[in-house]
C-alpha atoms as a PDB file:
ATOM      1  CA  PRO A   1       0.000   0.000   0.000  1.00  0.00           C
ATOM      2  CA  LEU A   2       2.809   2.401   0.841  1.00  0.00           C
ATOM      3  CA  ARG A   3       4.543   1.705  -2.460  1.00  0.00           C
ATOM      4  CA  ARG A   4       1.283   2.275  -4.335  1.00  0.00           C
ATOM      5  CA  ALA A   5       0.669   5.544  -2.475  1.00  0.00           C
ATOM      6  CA  VAL A   6       4.169   6.762  -3.285  1.00  0.00           C
ATOM      7  CA  ALA A   7       3.665   5.816  -6.942  1.00  0.00           C
ATOM      8  CA  ILE A   8       0.396   7.764  -7.068  1.00  0.00           C
ATOM      9  CA  VAL A   9       2.060  10.807  -5.524  1.00  0.00           C
ATOM     10  CA  VAL A  10       4.911  10.607  -8.038  1.00  0.00           C
ATOM     11  CA  VAL A  11       2.493  10.322 -10.972  1.00  0.00           C
ATOM     12  CA  VAL A  12       0.376  13.250  -9.716  1.00  0.00           C
ATOM     13  CA  ALA A  13       3.512  15.360  -9.205  1.00  0.00           C
ATOM     14  CA  ALA A  14       4.751  14.516 -12.693  1.00  0.00           C
ATOM     15  CA  LEU A  15       1.376  15.426 -14.187  1.00  0.00           C
ATOM     16  CA  TRP A  16       1.362  18.726 -12.275  1.00  0.00           C
ATOM     17  CA  VAL A  17       4.881  19.593 -13.477  1.00  0.00           C
ATOM     18  CA  ALA A  18       3.969  18.703 -17.060  1.00  0.00           C
ATOM     19  CA  GLY A  19       0.722  20.676 -16.833  1.00  0.00           C
ATOM     20  CA  THR A  20       2.461  23.719 -15.406  1.00  0.00           C
ATOM     21  CA  ALA A  21       5.151  23.570 -18.094  1.00  0.00           C
ATOM     22  CA  TRP A  22       2.417  23.306 -20.759  1.00  0.00           C
ATOM     23  CA  ALA A  23       0.633  26.335 -19.298  1.00  0.00           C
ATOM     24  CA  LEU A  24       3.821  28.415 -19.115  1.00  0.00           C
ATOM     25  CA  LEU A  25       4.950  27.538 -22.640  1.00  0.00           C
ATOM     26  CA  SER A  26       1.466  28.241 -24.025  1.00  0.00           C
ATOM     27  CA  THR A  27       1.448  31.598 -22.275  1.00  0.00           C
ATOM     28  CA  TRP A  28       4.900  32.506 -23.566  1.00  0.00           C
ATOM     29  CA  SER A  29       4.076  31.536 -27.144  1.00  0.00           C
ATOM     30  CA  SER A  30       0.984  33.776 -27.077  1.00  0.00           C
ATOM     31  CA  VAL A  31       2.959  36.917 -26.187  1.00  0.00           C
ATOM     32  CA  GLY A  32       3.508  39.428 -29.011  1.00  0.00           C
ATOM     33  CA  ARG A  33       6.895  40.895 -29.927  1.00  0.00           C
ATOM     34  CA  VAL A  34       7.936  44.356 -31.072  1.00  0.00           C
ATOM     35  CA  VAL A  35      11.186  46.226 -31.683  1.00  0.00           C
ATOM     36  CA  ALA A  36      11.691  48.434 -28.621  1.00  0.00           C
ATOM     37  CA  THR A  37      15.430  49.168 -28.616  1.00  0.00           C
ATOM     38  CA  PRO A  38      16.407  52.787 -29.383  1.00  0.00           C
ATOM     39  CA  ALA A  39      17.845  53.167 -32.887  1.00  0.00           C
ATOM     40  CA  ALA A  40      21.176  54.338 -31.459  1.00  0.00           C
ATOM     41  CA  GLY A  41      21.173  51.622 -28.779  1.00  0.00           C
ATOM     42  CA  HIS A  42      20.591  51.834 -25.046  1.00  0.00           C
ATOM     43  CA  ILE A  43      22.543  54.025 -22.649  1.00  0.00           C
ATOM     44  CA  GLY A  44      24.983  52.355 -20.253  1.00  0.00           C
ATOM     45  CA  ASN A  45      23.837  50.099 -17.452  1.00  0.00           C
ATOM     46  CA  THR A  46      22.296  51.626 -14.333  1.00  0.00           C
ATOM     47  CA  ALA A  47      21.551  49.933 -11.005  1.00  0.00           C
ATOM     48  CA  GLY A  48      18.938  47.181 -10.987  1.00  0.00           C
ATOM     49  CA  ARG A  49      16.637  46.606 -13.943  1.00  0.00           C
ATOM     50  CA  ASN A  50      14.054  48.951 -15.437  1.00  0.00           C
ATOM     51  CA  TYR A  51      11.015  47.832 -17.381  1.00  0.00           C
ATOM     52  CA  LEU A  52       9.080  50.336 -19.476  1.00  0.00           C
ATOM     53  CA  MET A  53       5.360  49.512 -19.181  1.00  0.00           C
ATOM     54  CA  VAL A  54       3.026  51.145 -21.651  1.00  0.00           C
ATOM     55  CA  GLY A  55      -0.725  51.231 -22.146  1.00  0.00           C
ATOM     56  CA  SER A  56      -1.280  51.932 -25.839  1.00  0.00           C
ATOM     57  CA  ASP A  57      -4.447  53.454 -27.275  1.00  0.00           C
ATOM     58  CA  GLY A  58      -3.865  51.899 -30.683  1.00  0.00           C
ATOM     59  CA  ARG A  59      -7.171  50.801 -32.240  1.00  0.00           C
ATOM     60  CA  THR A  60      -6.104  49.128 -35.489  1.00  0.00           C
ATOM     61  CA  ASP A  61      -6.625  45.613 -34.084  1.00  0.00           C
ATOM     62  CA  LEU A  62     -10.171  46.358 -32.894  1.00  0.00           C
ATOM     63  CA  SER A  63     -13.294  45.573 -34.883  1.00  0.00           C
ATOM     64  CA  ASP A  64     -16.067  48.148 -35.285  1.00  0.00           C
ATOM     65  CA  GLU A  65     -18.119  46.270 -32.680  1.00  0.00           C
ATOM     66  CA  GLU A  66     -15.210  46.278 -30.216  1.00  0.00           C
ATOM     67  CA  ARG A  67     -14.626  50.016 -30.718  1.00  0.00           C
ATOM     68  CA  ASN A  68     -18.271  50.709 -29.980  1.00  0.00           C
ATOM     69  CA  ARG A  69     -18.430  48.361 -26.986  1.00  0.00           C
ATOM     70  CA  LEU A  70     -15.193  49.623 -25.422  1.00  0.00           C
ATOM     71  CA  GLY A  71     -15.900  53.270 -26.269  1.00  0.00           C
ATOM     72  CA  THR A  72     -12.414  53.781 -27.702  1.00  0.00           C
ATOM     73  CA  GLY A  73     -13.374  56.175 -30.470  1.00  0.00           C
ATOM     74  CA  TRP A  74     -11.938  56.140 -33.981  1.00  0.00           C
ATOM     75  CA  ALA A  75      -8.640  58.026 -33.714  1.00  0.00           C
ATOM     76  CA  GLU A  76      -5.925  56.879 -36.107  1.00  0.00           C
ATOM     77  CA  GLY A  77      -2.400  55.950 -35.047  1.00  0.00           C
ATOM     78  CA  ALA A  78      -1.376  55.091 -31.496  1.00  0.00           C
ATOM     79  CA  ARG A  79      -0.430  57.020 -28.388  1.00  0.00           C
ATOM     80  CA  THR A  80       0.364  56.066 -24.819  1.00  0.00           C
ATOM     81  CA  ASP A  81      -2.536  56.253 -22.381  1.00  0.00           C
ATOM     82  CA  SER A  82      -0.198  55.263 -19.560  1.00  0.00           C
ATOM     83  CA  ILE A  83       3.574  55.186 -19.111  1.00  0.00           C
ATOM     84  CA  MET A  84       5.178  53.493 -16.111  1.00  0.00           C
ATOM     85  CA  LEU A  85       8.728  52.483 -15.313  1.00  0.00           C
ATOM     86  CA  LEU A  86       9.139  49.500 -13.014  1.00  0.00           C
ATOM     87  CA  HIS A  87      12.509  49.500 -11.243  1.00  0.00           C
ATOM     88  CA  THR A  88      13.705  46.356  -9.508  1.00  0.00           C
ATOM     89  CA  GLY A  89      16.858  46.182  -7.456  1.00  0.00           C
ATOM     90  CA  SER A  90      18.382  45.585  -4.050  1.00  0.00           C
ATOM     91  CA  GLY A  91      16.099  48.142  -2.401  1.00  0.00           C
ATOM     92  CA  GLY A  92      12.906  46.477  -3.574  1.00  0.00           C
ATOM     93  CA  PRO A  93      10.724  47.376  -6.554  1.00  0.00           C
ATOM     94  CA  THR A  94       9.514  50.886  -7.401  1.00  0.00           C
ATOM     95  CA  LEU A  95       6.664  51.547  -9.810  1.00  0.00           C
ATOM     96  CA  LEU A  96       7.149  55.019 -11.263  1.00  0.00           C
ATOM     97  CA  SER A  97       4.285  56.701 -13.129  1.00  0.00           C
ATOM     98  CA  ILE A  98       5.238  59.184 -15.843  1.00  0.00           C
ATOM     99  CA  PRO A  99       2.312  61.462 -16.752  1.00  0.00           C
ATOM    100  CA  ARG A 100       1.636  61.156 -20.473  1.00  0.00           C
ATOM    101  CA  ASP A 101       1.509  64.952 -20.778  1.00  0.00           C
ATOM    102  CA  SER A 102       5.016  65.381 -19.318  1.00  0.00           C
ATOM    103  CA  TYR A 103       6.884  68.064 -21.293  1.00  0.00           C
ATOM    104  CA  VAL A 104      10.258  66.607 -22.235  1.00  0.00           C
ATOM    105  CA  GLU A 105      12.746  66.555 -25.078  1.00  0.00           C
ATOM    106  CA  ILE A 106      11.977  63.918 -27.689  1.00  0.00           C
ATOM    107  CA  PRO A 107      15.235  63.100 -29.498  1.00  0.00           C
ATOM    108  CA  GLY A 108      15.133  64.490 -33.021  1.00  0.00           C
ATOM    109  CA  HIS A 109      11.781  66.221 -32.482  1.00  0.00           C
ATOM    110  CA  GLY A 110      12.366  68.896 -29.840  1.00  0.00           C
ATOM    111  CA  LEU A 111      10.220  69.553 -26.783  1.00  0.00           C
ATOM    112  CA  ASN A 112       6.804  67.918 -26.684  1.00  0.00           C
ATOM    113  CA  LYS A 113       4.498  65.858 -24.501  1.00  0.00           C
ATOM    114  CA  ILE A 114       6.128  62.517 -23.823  1.00  0.00           C
ATOM    115  CA  ASN A 115       3.238  60.505 -25.266  1.00  0.00           C
ATOM    116  CA  ALA A 116       4.019  62.048 -28.661  1.00  0.00           C
ATOM    117  CA  ALA A 117       7.219  59.968 -28.743  1.00  0.00           C
ATOM    118  CA  PHE A 118       5.196  56.797 -29.191  1.00  0.00           C
ATOM    119  CA  ALA A 119       3.101  58.341 -31.971  1.00  0.00           C
ATOM    120  CA  LEU A 120       6.214  59.657 -33.745  1.00  0.00           C
ATOM    121  CA  GLY A 121       8.514  56.674 -33.460  1.00  0.00           C
ATOM    122  CA  GLY A 122       6.836  53.830 -31.603  1.00  0.00           C
ATOM    123  CA  PRO A 123       8.482  51.886 -28.755  1.00  0.00           C
ATOM    124  CA  PRO A 124      12.100  52.612 -29.849  1.00  0.00           C
ATOM    125  CA  LEU A 125      11.641  56.395 -29.695  1.00  0.00           C
ATOM    126  CA  LEU A 126       9.649  56.209 -26.470  1.00  0.00           C
ATOM    127  CA  SER A 127      12.394  54.094 -24.860  1.00  0.00           C
ATOM    128  CA  GLU A 128      15.033  56.562 -26.041  1.00  0.00           C
ATOM    129  CA  THR A 129      12.994  59.508 -24.748  1.00  0.00           C
ATOM    130  CA  VAL A 130      12.527  57.911 -21.318  1.00  0.00           C
ATOM    131  CA  GLU A 131      16.226  57.079 -21.097  1.00  0.00           C
ATOM    132  CA  LYS A 132      17.213  60.647 -22.029  1.00  0.00           C
ATOM    133  CA  ALA A 133      14.724  62.232 -19.618  1.00  0.00           C
ATOM    134  CA  THR A 134      15.514  60.011 -16.623  1.00  0.00           C
ATOM    135  CA  GLY A 135      19.055  58.760 -17.187  1.00  0.00           C
ATOM    136  CA  LEU A 136      17.745  55.243 -16.501  1.00  0.00           C
ATOM    137  CA  ARG A 137      18.513  52.386 -18.883  1.00  0.00           C
ATOM    138  CA  VAL A 138      15.359  50.661 -20.167  1.00  0.00           C
ATOM    139  CA  ASP A 139      16.104  46.942 -19.822  1.00  0.00           C
ATOM    140  CA  GLY A 140      12.697  45.578 -20.845  1.00  0.00           C
ATOM    141  CA  TYR A 141       9.478  46.618 -22.534  1.00  0.00           C
ATOM    142  CA  VAL A 142       5.853  45.607 -21.882  1.00  0.00           C
ATOM    143  CA  GLU A 143       2.855  47.003 -23.791  1.00  0.00           C
ATOM    144  CA  ILE A 144      -0.855  46.305 -23.526  1.00  0.00           C
ATOM    145  CA  GLY A 145      -3.578  47.658 -25.819  1.00  0.00           C
ATOM    146  CA  PHE A 146      -7.241  48.516 -25.320  1.00  0.00           C
ATOM    147  CA  GLY A 147      -8.730  45.187 -26.385  1.00  0.00           C
ATOM    148  CA  GLY A 148      -6.132  43.096 -24.604  1.00  0.00           C
ATOM    149  CA  PHE A 149      -6.597  44.995 -21.357  1.00  0.00           C
ATOM    150  CA  ALA A 150     -10.364  44.472 -21.349  1.00  0.00           C
ATOM    151  CA  GLU A 151      -9.950  40.786 -22.232  1.00  0.00           C
ATOM    152  CA  LEU A 152      -7.434  40.277 -19.429  1.00  0.00           C
ATOM    153  CA  VAL A 153      -9.744  41.864 -16.842  1.00  0.00           C
ATOM    154  CA  ASP A 154     -12.648  39.712 -18.012  1.00  0.00           C
ATOM    155  CA  SER A 155     -10.485  36.564 -17.894  1.00  0.00           C
ATOM    156  CA  VAL A 156     -10.138  36.926 -14.104  1.00  0.00           C
ATOM    157  CA  GLY A 157     -13.822  37.687 -13.598  1.00  0.00           C
ATOM    158  CA  GLY A 158     -13.412  41.437 -13.217  1.00  0.00           C
ATOM    159  CA  VAL A 159     -11.564  43.468 -10.613  1.00  0.00           C
ATOM    160  CA  ARG A 160     -13.059  44.916  -7.415  1.00  0.00           C
ATOM    161  CA  MET A 161     -12.482  48.623  -6.859  1.00  0.00           C
ATOM    162  CA  CYS A 162     -13.872  51.002  -4.254  1.00  0.00           C
ATOM    163  CA  LEU A 163     -14.778  54.398  -5.704  1.00  0.00           C
ATOM    164  CA  PRO A 164     -14.854  57.349  -3.263  1.00  0.00           C
ATOM    165  CA  ALA A 165     -17.373  59.112  -5.499  1.00  0.00           C
ATOM    166  CA  ALA A 166     -19.610  58.323  -8.472  1.00  0.00           C
ATOM    167  CA  ILE A 167     -17.982  58.712 -11.895  1.00  0.00           C
ATOM    168  CA  SER A 168     -19.788  59.692 -15.062  1.00  0.00           C
ATOM    169  CA  ASP A 169     -17.675  60.396 -18.116  1.00  0.00           C
ATOM    170  CA  ASP A 170     -19.111  60.354 -21.640  1.00  0.00           C
ATOM    171  CA  LYS A 171     -15.681  60.332 -23.311  1.00  0.00           C
ATOM    172  CA  ALA A 172     -14.634  57.226 -21.339  1.00  0.00           C
ATOM    173  CA  HIS A 173     -18.107  55.667 -21.712  1.00  0.00           C
ATOM    174  CA  ILE A 174     -18.552  54.973 -18.007  1.00  0.00           C
ATOM    175  CA  ASP A 175     -21.261  55.732 -15.461  1.00  0.00           C
ATOM    176  CA  LEU A 176     -20.185  54.151 -12.177  1.00  0.00           C
ATOM    177  CA  PRO A 177     -21.791  54.584  -8.749  1.00  0.00           C
ATOM    178  CA  LYS A 178     -19.941  55.431  -5.554  1.00  0.00           C
ATOM    179  CA  GLY A 179     -18.735  52.497  -3.475  1.00  0.00           C
ATOM    180  CA  CYS A 180     -17.127  49.082  -3.917  1.00  0.00           C
ATOM    181  CA  GLN A 181     -17.948  47.146  -7.080  1.00  0.00           C
ATOM    182  CA  VAL A 182     -16.497  44.669  -9.555  1.00  0.00           C
ATOM    183  CA  LEU A 183     -15.464  46.310 -12.829  1.00  0.00           C
ATOM    184  CA  ASP A 184     -15.650  44.217 -15.977  1.00  0.00           C
ATOM    185  CA  GLY A 185     -13.236  44.756 -18.857  1.00  0.00           C
ATOM    186  CA  THR A 186     -15.203  47.547 -20.529  1.00  0.00           C
ATOM    187  CA  ASN A 187     -15.791  49.540 -17.334  1.00  0.00           C
ATOM    188  CA  ALA A 188     -12.231  48.925 -16.163  1.00  0.00           C
ATOM    189  CA  LEU A 189     -10.848  50.324 -19.410  1.00  0.00           C
ATOM    190  CA  GLY A 190     -12.982  53.454 -19.049  1.00  0.00           C
ATOM    191  CA  TYR A 191     -11.986  53.789 -15.395  1.00  0.00           C
ATOM    192  CA  VAL A 192      -8.235  53.791 -16.067  1.00  0.00           C
ATOM    193  CA  ARG A 193      -8.542  55.989 -19.170  1.00  0.00           C
ATOM    194  CA  MET A 194     -10.892  58.651 -17.755  1.00  0.00           C
ATOM    195  CA  ARG A 195      -9.309  62.042 -17.074  1.00  0.00           C
ATOM    196  CA  TYR A 196     -11.689  64.802 -18.224  1.00  0.00           C
ATOM    197  CA  SER A 197     -14.002  64.235 -15.248  1.00  0.00           C
ATOM    198  CA  ASP A 198     -11.102  63.926 -12.804  1.00  0.00           C
ATOM    199  CA  PRO A 199     -10.331  67.174 -10.919  1.00  0.00           C
ATOM    200  CA  GLU A 200      -6.632  66.235 -11.091  1.00  0.00           C
ATOM    201  CA  GLY A 201      -6.733  65.442 -14.812  1.00  0.00           C
ATOM    202  CA  ASP A 202      -3.814  63.325 -15.993  1.00  0.00           C
ATOM    203  CA  LEU A 203      -2.271  63.231 -12.504  1.00  0.00           C
ATOM    204  CA  GLY A 204      -5.470  61.784 -11.079  1.00  0.00           C
ATOM    205  CA  ARG A 205      -5.510  59.234 -13.855  1.00  0.00           C
ATOM    206  CA  VAL A 206      -2.026  57.923 -13.094  1.00  0.00           C
ATOM    207  CA  LYS A 207      -3.051  57.375  -9.469  1.00  0.00           C
ATOM    208  CA  ARG A 208      -6.086  55.365 -10.581  1.00  0.00           C
ATOM    209  CA  GLN A 209      -3.973  53.391 -13.028  1.00  0.00           C
ATOM    210  CA  ARG A 210      -1.504  52.375 -10.336  1.00  0.00           C
ATOM    211  CA  ALA A 211      -4.290  51.452  -7.903  1.00  0.00           C
ATOM    212  CA  PHE A 212      -6.111  49.395 -10.519  1.00  0.00           C
ATOM    213  CA  LEU A 213      -2.914  47.680 -11.660  1.00  0.00           C
ATOM    214  CA  GLY A 214      -2.247  46.665  -8.070  1.00  0.00           C
ATOM    215  CA  ALA A 215      -5.744  45.209  -7.716  1.00  0.00           C
ATOM    216  CA  LEU A 216      -5.451  43.395 -11.057  1.00  0.00           C
ATOM    217  CA  MET A 217      -2.095  41.857 -10.141  1.00  0.00           C
ATOM    218  CA  GLY A 218      -3.580  40.687  -6.845  1.00  0.00           C
ATOM    219  CA  LYS A 219      -6.402  38.972  -8.749  1.00  0.00           C
ATOM    220  CA  LEU A 220      -4.026  37.401 -11.273  1.00  0.00           C
ATOM    221  CA  ALA A 221      -1.702  36.082  -8.571  1.00  0.00           C
ATOM    222  CA  THR A 222      -4.273  34.133  -6.549  1.00  0.00           C
ATOM    223  CA  PRO A 223      -3.089  30.640  -5.518  1.00  0.00           C
ATOM    224  CA  ALA A 224      -5.677  28.953  -7.769  1.00  0.00           C
ATOM    225  CA  ASN A 225      -4.465  30.831 -10.845  1.00  0.00           C
ATOM    226  CA  ILE A 226      -0.857  29.928 -10.105  1.00  0.00           C
ATOM    227  CA  VAL A 227      -1.095  26.378  -8.753  1.00  0.00           C
ATOM    228  CA  LEU A 228      -3.793  24.857 -10.978  1.00  0.00           C
ATOM    229  CA  PRO A 229      -2.321  24.272 -14.466  1.00  0.00           C
ATOM    230  CA  TRP A 230      -5.660  24.673 -16.311  1.00  0.00           C
ATOM    231  CA  ARG A 231      -6.342  27.988 -14.545  1.00  0.00           C
ATOM    232  CA  LEU A 232      -2.767  29.117 -15.181  1.00  0.00           C
ATOM    233  CA  HIS A 233      -3.219  28.254 -18.856  1.00  0.00           C
ATOM    234  CA  SER A 234      -6.539  30.086 -19.155  1.00  0.00           C
ATOM    235  CA  VAL A 235      -5.435  33.270 -17.411  1.00  0.00           C
ATOM    236  CA  GLY A 236      -1.892  33.082 -18.786  1.00  0.00           C
ATOM    237  CA  THR A 237      -2.885  32.819 -22.436  1.00  0.00           C
ATOM    238  CA  ALA A 238      -5.443  35.612 -21.997  1.00  0.00           C
ATOM    239  CA  GLY A 239      -2.736  37.751 -20.454  1.00  0.00           C
ATOM    240  CA  GLY A 240      -0.122  36.652 -22.967  1.00  0.00           C
ATOM    241  CA  SER A 241      -2.245  37.508 -25.974  1.00  0.00           C
ATOM    242  CA  ALA A 242      -2.947  40.912 -24.412  1.00  0.00           C
ATOM    243  CA  VAL A 243       0.730  41.732 -23.966  1.00  0.00           C
ATOM    244  CA  THR A 244       3.499  42.759 -26.345  1.00  0.00           C
ATOM    245  CA  ILE A 245       7.124  42.734 -25.197  1.00  0.00           C
ATOM    246  CA  GLY A 246      10.458  43.797 -26.636  1.00  0.00           C
ATOM    247  CA  GLU A 247      11.814  41.345 -29.207  1.00  0.00           C
ATOM    248  CA  ASP A 248      14.997  40.867 -27.154  1.00  0.00           C
ATOM    249  CA  ASP A 249      13.217  40.278 -23.823  1.00  0.00           C
ATOM    250  CA  GLY A 250      13.491  36.759 -22.433  1.00  0.00           C
ATOM    251  CA  MET A 251      11.010  34.714 -20.423  1.00  0.00           C
ATOM    252  CA  LEU A 252      12.879  35.022 -17.120  1.00  0.00           C
ATOM    253  CA  SER A 253      13.264  38.777 -17.547  1.00  0.00           C
ATOM    254  CA  THR A 254       9.565  39.204 -18.314  1.00  0.00           C
ATOM    255  CA  ILE A 255       8.560  37.002 -15.383  1.00  0.00           C
ATOM    256  CA  GLY A 256      10.828  39.185 -13.217  1.00  0.00           C
ATOM    257  CA  ALA A 257       8.906  42.264 -14.331  1.00  0.00           C
ATOM    258  CA  PHE A 258       5.556  40.786 -13.365  1.00  0.00           C
ATOM    259  CA  ARG A 259       6.960  39.520 -10.069  1.00  0.00           C
ATOM    260  CA  GLY A 260       8.053  43.081  -9.363  1.00  0.00           C
ATOM    261  CA  LEU A 261       4.557  44.348 -10.162  1.00  0.00           C
ATOM    262  CA  ARG A 262       3.028  41.751  -7.866  1.00  0.00           C
ATOM    263  CA  ALA A 263       5.410  42.771  -5.079  1.00  0.00           C
ATOM    264  CA  VAL A 264       4.429  46.437  -5.420  1.00  0.00           C
ATOM    265  CA  ALA A 265       0.751  45.436  -5.456  1.00  0.00           C
ATOM    266  CA  GLY A 266       1.311  43.516  -2.226  1.00  0.00           C
ATOM    267  CA  GLY A 267       2.878  46.513  -0.495  1.00  0.00           C
ATOM    268  CA  ASP A 268       6.472  45.314  -0.797  1.00  0.00           C
ATOM    269  CA  GLY A 269       7.913  48.308  -2.620  1.00  0.00           C
ATOM    270  CA  HIS A 270       7.086  51.860  -3.620  1.00  0.00           C
ATOM    271  CA  SER A 271       4.562  53.376  -6.001  1.00  0.00           C
ATOM    272  CA  VAL A 272       5.304  56.984  -6.962  1.00  0.00           C
ATOM    273  CA  THR A 273       4.782  59.627  -9.645  1.00  0.00           C
ATOM    274  CA  VAL A 274       7.518  61.809 -11.115  1.00  0.00           C
ATOM    275  CA  PRO A 275       7.531  64.959  -8.910  1.00  0.00           C
ATOM    276  CA  ILE A 276       5.565  67.772 -10.556  1.00  0.00           C
ATOM    277  CA  SER A 277       6.097  71.533 -10.282  1.00  0.00           C
ATOM    278  CA  ASN A 278       3.392  72.706 -12.694  1.00  0.00           C
ATOM    279  CA  PRO A 279       0.502  70.478 -13.891  1.00  0.00           C
ATOM    280  CA  GLY A 280      -0.798  73.188 -16.224  1.00  0.00           C
ATOM    281  CA  LEU A 281       2.274  74.356 -18.123  1.00  0.00           C
ATOM    282  CA  GLN A 282       1.326  76.306 -21.261  1.00  0.00           C
ATOM    283  CA  THR A 283       3.366  75.107 -24.258  1.00  0.00           C
ATOM    284  CA  PRO A 284       3.180  75.152 -28.081  1.00  0.00           C
ATOM    285  CA  ALA A 285       1.929  71.540 -27.752  1.00  0.00           C
ATOM    286  CA  GLY A 286      -0.913  72.612 -25.449  1.00  0.00           C
ATOM    287  CA  GLU A 287      -1.251  72.358 -21.681  1.00  0.00           C
ATOM    288  CA  ALA A 288       1.417  70.023 -20.361  1.00  0.00           C
ATOM    289  CA  VAL A 289       2.951  68.735 -17.125  1.00  0.00           C
ATOM    290  CA  GLU A 290       6.251  70.194 -15.929  1.00  0.00           C
ATOM    291  CA  TRP A 291       8.484  68.089 -13.707  1.00  0.00           C
ATOM    292  CA  ASP A 292      10.043  69.469 -10.542  1.00  0.00           C
ATOM    293  CA  ALA A 293      13.649  69.657 -11.741  1.00  0.00           C
ATOM    294  CA  ILE A 294      15.305  69.234  -8.336  1.00  0.00           C
ATOM    295  CA  LYS A 295      13.037  66.541  -6.896  1.00  0.00           C
ATOM    296  CA  SER A 296      12.832  64.506 -10.099  1.00  0.00           C
ATOM    297  CA  ALA A 297      16.622  64.629 -10.483  1.00  0.00           C
ATOM    298  CA  ALA A 298      17.005  63.311  -6.911  1.00  0.00           C
ATOM    299  CA  LEU A 299      14.548  60.510  -7.607  1.00  0.00           C
ATOM    300  CA  PHE A 300      16.245  59.444 -10.838  1.00  0.00           C
ATOM    301  CA  GLU A 301      19.676  59.593  -9.206  1.00  0.00           C
ATOM    302  CA  ALA A 302      18.515  57.292  -6.403  1.00  0.00           C
ATOM    303  CA  LEU A 303      17.155  54.775  -8.906  1.00  0.00           C
ATOM    304  CA  ARG A 304      20.285  55.004 -11.087  1.00  0.00           C
ATOM    305  CA  THR A 305      22.602  54.284  -8.177  1.00  0.00           C
ATOM    306  CA  GLY A 306      20.469  51.927  -6.105  1.00  0.00           C
ATOM    307  CA  ALA A 307      20.228  54.387  -3.197  1.00  0.00           C
ATOM    308  CA  ASP A 308      17.183  54.841  -0.971  1.00  0.00           C
ATOM    309  CA  LEU A 309      14.428  56.959  -2.497  1.00  0.00           C
ATOM    310  CA  PRO A 310      13.946  60.498  -1.124  1.00  0.00           C
ATOM    311  CA  ALA A 311      11.813  60.281   2.029  1.00  0.00           C
ATOM    312  CA  ASP A 312       9.327  62.916   0.867  1.00  0.00           C
ATOM    313  CA  LEU A 313       8.388  60.727  -2.121  1.00  0.00           C
ATOM    314  CA  THR A 314       7.872  57.466  -0.237  1.00  0.00           C
ATOM    315  CA  ALA A 315       5.969  58.696   2.815  1.00  0.00           C
ATOM    316  CA  GLY A 316       2.625  57.695   1.356  1.00  0.00           C
ATOM    317  CA  SER A 317       3.652  54.837  -0.915  1.00  0.00           C
END
């Protein structure tokens, strides 16, 4: 009986290992690839690793029905609805939000809002712009589009968020009541995109994006989704097909990025926004966001060297 029990355990363990490997390989094969390396190459290494995480508003892969259902509109081209830099290193992970209206120098194109870099030159120019503006080497790239985001949220059964006030925004196609509720993919997309009805505009949006990302990562990383191979396959392939990564990024590197996100979501790390001095800077490109030169330089220097982040930035993170 003991020998039979041991044999059963061995067989079950082997099946679990095989099932998990199948789920991981299926997930990895479903991930899209894109050139994300700056044309002139990356800057030199800086401390830790930095992953550029982008929410793209590209609509070319959406059907007419999907555009209507998701309320994405019909704009041509692609821009960045969200830009985050995930830093991982000896001091724990830091998720840094970069407002899409940040007024920075775009190499070869002069001063403009940072989201214009993506529209002008795609991931390579955006990576180069972020490196030039922050002095941080971009070691990996992760992008998710409108349709993929909504599909990913739906694949985990929606995400629970608690809204301090009701939100009604025609441009984002949402009408949400105050209080705690589960947002499906369509409402979640509107929630993280909405800015015109937010008193803080783009700065309010980046706060909501970080909060929602944390809740989503918590839902994705439940024990059932990780331990059960069929659940891992279902959620993993939904997530994989929603994500595009840099063509040179490997599996272990990409897994490291999502582990860093999960750590930040669990409170083991910092979640901050680039320090701002003027959220309503008047420029030839329209109203933009001006960084606080001194505070942002101190933040970037700490990340570049692996030092502790300035205390005034981490007090509430």
